[in-house]
Amino acid sequence: MIVRLHILADQELAAAAAFYEARAHGLGADFLAEAEATRDLLSAFPAIGPVLEHDIRRIAFRRFPYSYLYRIATEEIRVLAVMHHSRRPGYWTGRK
């Protein structure tokens, strides 16, 4: 199944990668590789993440404290947020 990121989720992903890259050379690339591996897992197994509320699910990255918050649609998986585990809970709730 195709995984598509909401434009704000894509920006969150890029910002997190830039943050990690600023901390250590290559760490941003490691973060993006982890994000891609998680996206591949999600594409293969859409219902893998537990339901948080209504039809929103969550799948955590293995190495970094981030999760994809997503919704399964008929033709795609829509990632609404790339959420850090310790920041602003619920900020993404208005996204479709």
C-alpha atoms as a PDB file:
ATOM      1  CA  MET A   1       0.000   0.000   0.000  1.00  0.00           C
ATOM      2  CA  ILE A   2       1.259   3.521  -0.779  1.00  0.00           C
ATOM      3  CA  VAL A   3       2.280   5.664   2.196  1.00  0.00           C
ATOM      4  CA  ARG A   4       1.810   9.424   1.763  1.00  0.00           C
ATOM      5  CA  LEU A   5       2.921  12.068   4.218  1.00  0.00           C
ATOM      6  CA  HIS A   6       0.813  15.105   5.016  1.00  0.00           C
ATOM      7  CA  ILE A   7       2.786  18.213   4.013  1.00  0.00           C
ATOM      8  CA  LEU A   8       3.280  19.159   7.683  1.00  0.00           C
ATOM      9  CA  ALA A   9       4.427  15.620   8.521  1.00  0.00           C
ATOM     10  CA  ASP A  10       6.973  15.878   5.707  1.00  0.00           C
ATOM     11  CA  GLN A  11       8.218  19.150   7.217  1.00  0.00           C
ATOM     12  CA  GLU A  12       8.459  17.519  10.658  1.00  0.00           C
ATOM     13  CA  LEU A  13      10.500  14.682   9.179  1.00  0.00           C
ATOM     14  CA  ALA A  14      12.906  17.118   7.504  1.00  0.00           C
ATOM     15  CA  ALA A  15      13.229  19.230  10.671  1.00  0.00           C
ATOM     16  CA  ALA A  16      14.009  16.195  12.822  1.00  0.00           C
ATOM     17  CA  ALA A  17      16.624  14.989  10.319  1.00  0.00           C
ATOM     18  CA  ALA A  18      18.242  18.447  10.309  1.00  0.00           C
ATOM     19  CA  PHE A  19      18.237  18.475  14.131  1.00  0.00           C
ATOM     20  CA  TYR A  20      20.018  15.122  14.310  1.00  0.00           C
ATOM     21  CA  GLU A  21      22.472  16.039  11.545  1.00  0.00           C
ATOM     22  CA  ALA A  22      23.402  19.196  13.476  1.00  0.00           C
ATOM     23  CA  ARG A  23      24.198  17.010  16.491  1.00  0.00           C
ATOM     24  CA  ALA A  24      26.454  14.536  14.672  1.00  0.00           C
ATOM     25  CA  HIS A  25      27.486  14.087  11.064  1.00  0.00           C
ATOM     26  CA  GLY A  26      25.520  11.227   9.526  1.00  0.00           C
ATOM     27  CA  LEU A  27      22.935  11.026  12.292  1.00  0.00           C
ATOM     28  CA  GLY A  28      20.355  12.839  10.159  1.00  0.00           C
ATOM     29  CA  ALA A  29      20.819  10.249   7.411  1.00  0.00           C
ATOM     30  CA  ASP A  30      20.446   7.502  10.026  1.00  0.00           C
ATOM     31  CA  PHE A  31      17.186   9.082  11.147  1.00  0.00           C
ATOM     32  CA  LEU A  32      15.881   9.234   7.576  1.00  0.00           C
ATOM     33  CA  ALA A  33      16.888   5.604   6.994  1.00  0.00           C
ATOM     34  CA  GLU A  34      14.954   4.616  10.120  1.00  0.00           C
ATOM     35  CA  ALA A  35      11.959   6.643   8.925  1.00  0.00           C
ATOM     36  CA  GLU A  36      12.093   4.861   5.559  1.00  0.00           C
ATOM     37  CA  ALA A  37      12.342   1.425   7.188  1.00  0.00           C
ATOM     38  CA  THR A  38       9.329   2.251   9.360  1.00  0.00           C
ATOM     39  CA  ARG A  39       7.447   3.476   6.280  1.00  0.00           C
ATOM     40  CA  ASP A  40       8.249   0.209   4.469  1.00  0.00           C
ATOM     41  CA  LEU A  41       6.982  -1.801   7.432  1.00  0.00           C
ATOM     42  CA  LEU A  42       3.824   0.292   7.508  1.00  0.00           C
ATOM     43  CA  SER A  43       3.295  -0.188   3.779  1.00  0.00           C
ATOM     44  CA  ALA A  44       3.565  -3.958   4.137  1.00  0.00           C
ATOM     45  CA  PHE A  45       1.454  -4.201   7.312  1.00  0.00           C
ATOM     46  CA  PRO A  46      -0.937  -1.214   7.506  1.00  0.00           C
ATOM     47  CA  ALA A  47      -2.777  -2.398  10.632  1.00  0.00           C
ATOM     48  CA  ILE A  48       0.438  -2.960  12.603  1.00  0.00           C
ATOM     49  CA  GLY A  49       0.019   0.134  14.777  1.00  0.00           C
ATOM     50  CA  PRO A  50      -2.446   0.261  17.649  1.00  0.00           C
ATOM     51  CA  VAL A  51      -5.426   2.596  17.351  1.00  0.00           C
ATOM     52  CA  LEU A  52      -4.993   5.755  19.450  1.00  0.00           C
ATOM     53  CA  GLU A  53      -8.368   7.333  18.842  1.00  0.00           C
ATOM     54  CA  HIS A  54     -11.061   6.918  16.217  1.00  0.00           C
ATOM     55  CA  ASP A  55      -9.139   5.621  13.183  1.00  0.00           C
ATOM     56  CA  ILE A  56      -5.727   7.132  13.969  1.00  0.00           C
ATOM     57  CA  ARG A  57      -2.927   4.633  14.507  1.00  0.00           C
ATOM     58  CA  ARG A  58       0.650   4.943  15.717  1.00  0.00           C
ATOM     59  CA  ILE A  59       3.839   3.147  14.752  1.00  0.00           C
ATOM     60  CA  ALA A  60       7.044   3.966  16.614  1.00  0.00           C
ATOM     61  CA  PHE A  61      10.491   4.214  15.093  1.00  0.00           C
ATOM     62  CA  ARG A  62      12.857   1.652  16.617  1.00  0.00           C
ATOM     63  CA  ARG A  63      15.934   3.782  17.268  1.00  0.00           C
ATOM     64  CA  PHE A  64      14.622   7.335  17.608  1.00  0.00           C
ATOM     65  CA  PRO A  65      11.881   8.727  19.883  1.00  0.00           C
ATOM     66  CA  TYR A  66       9.467   9.397  17.010  1.00  0.00           C
ATOM     67  CA  SER A  67       6.299   7.820  15.678  1.00  0.00           C
ATOM     68  CA  TYR A  68       4.195   8.068  12.560  1.00  0.00           C
ATOM     69  CA  LEU A  69       0.595   8.894  13.341  1.00  0.00           C
ATOM     70  CA  TYR A  70      -1.470   7.638  10.439  1.00  0.00           C
ATOM     71  CA  ARG A  71      -4.844   6.753   9.021  1.00  0.00           C
ATOM     72  CA  ILE A  72      -5.587   3.870   6.668  1.00  0.00           C
ATOM     73  CA  ALA A  73      -7.639   4.981   3.676  1.00  0.00           C
ATOM     74  CA  THR A  74      -9.015   2.910   0.826  1.00  0.00           C
ATOM     75  CA  GLU A  75      -6.109   3.516  -1.545  1.00  0.00           C
ATOM     76  CA  GLU A  76      -3.326   4.789   0.709  1.00  0.00           C
ATOM     77  CA  ILE A  77      -1.913   5.179   4.174  1.00  0.00           C
ATOM     78  CA  ARG A  78      -1.928   8.832   5.175  1.00  0.00           C
ATOM     79  CA  VAL A  79       0.758   9.874   7.697  1.00  0.00           C
ATOM     80  CA  LEU A  80      -0.638  12.856   9.568  1.00  0.00           C
ATOM     81  CA  ALA A  81       2.353  13.555  11.806  1.00  0.00           C
ATOM     82  CA  VAL A  82       5.932  12.600  12.544  1.00  0.00           C
ATOM     83  CA  MET A  83       5.588  13.036  16.280  1.00  0.00           C
ATOM     84  CA  HIS A  84       8.357  13.271  18.852  1.00  0.00           C
ATOM     85  CA  HIS A  85       7.403  11.245  21.909  1.00  0.00           C
ATOM     86  CA  SER A  86       8.011  14.054  24.397  1.00  0.00           C
ATOM     87  CA  ARG A  87       6.639  17.136  22.662  1.00  0.00           C
ATOM     88  CA  ARG A  88       3.229  18.774  22.354  1.00  0.00           C
ATOM     89  CA  PRO A  89       0.822  15.838  22.525  1.00  0.00           C
ATOM     90  CA  GLY A  90      -2.232  16.246  20.337  1.00  0.00           C
ATOM     91  CA  TYR A  91      -0.886  19.098  18.186  1.00  0.00           C
ATOM     92  CA  TRP A  92      -1.706  17.121  15.025  1.00  0.00           C
ATOM     93  CA  THR A  93      -5.397  16.457  15.780  1.00  0.00           C
ATOM     94  CA  GLY A  94      -6.729  18.932  13.202  1.00  0.00           C
ATOM     95  CA  ARG A  95      -4.931  17.296  10.266  1.00  0.00           C
ATOM     96  CA  LYS A  96      -6.754  15.281   7.599  1.00  0.00           C
END
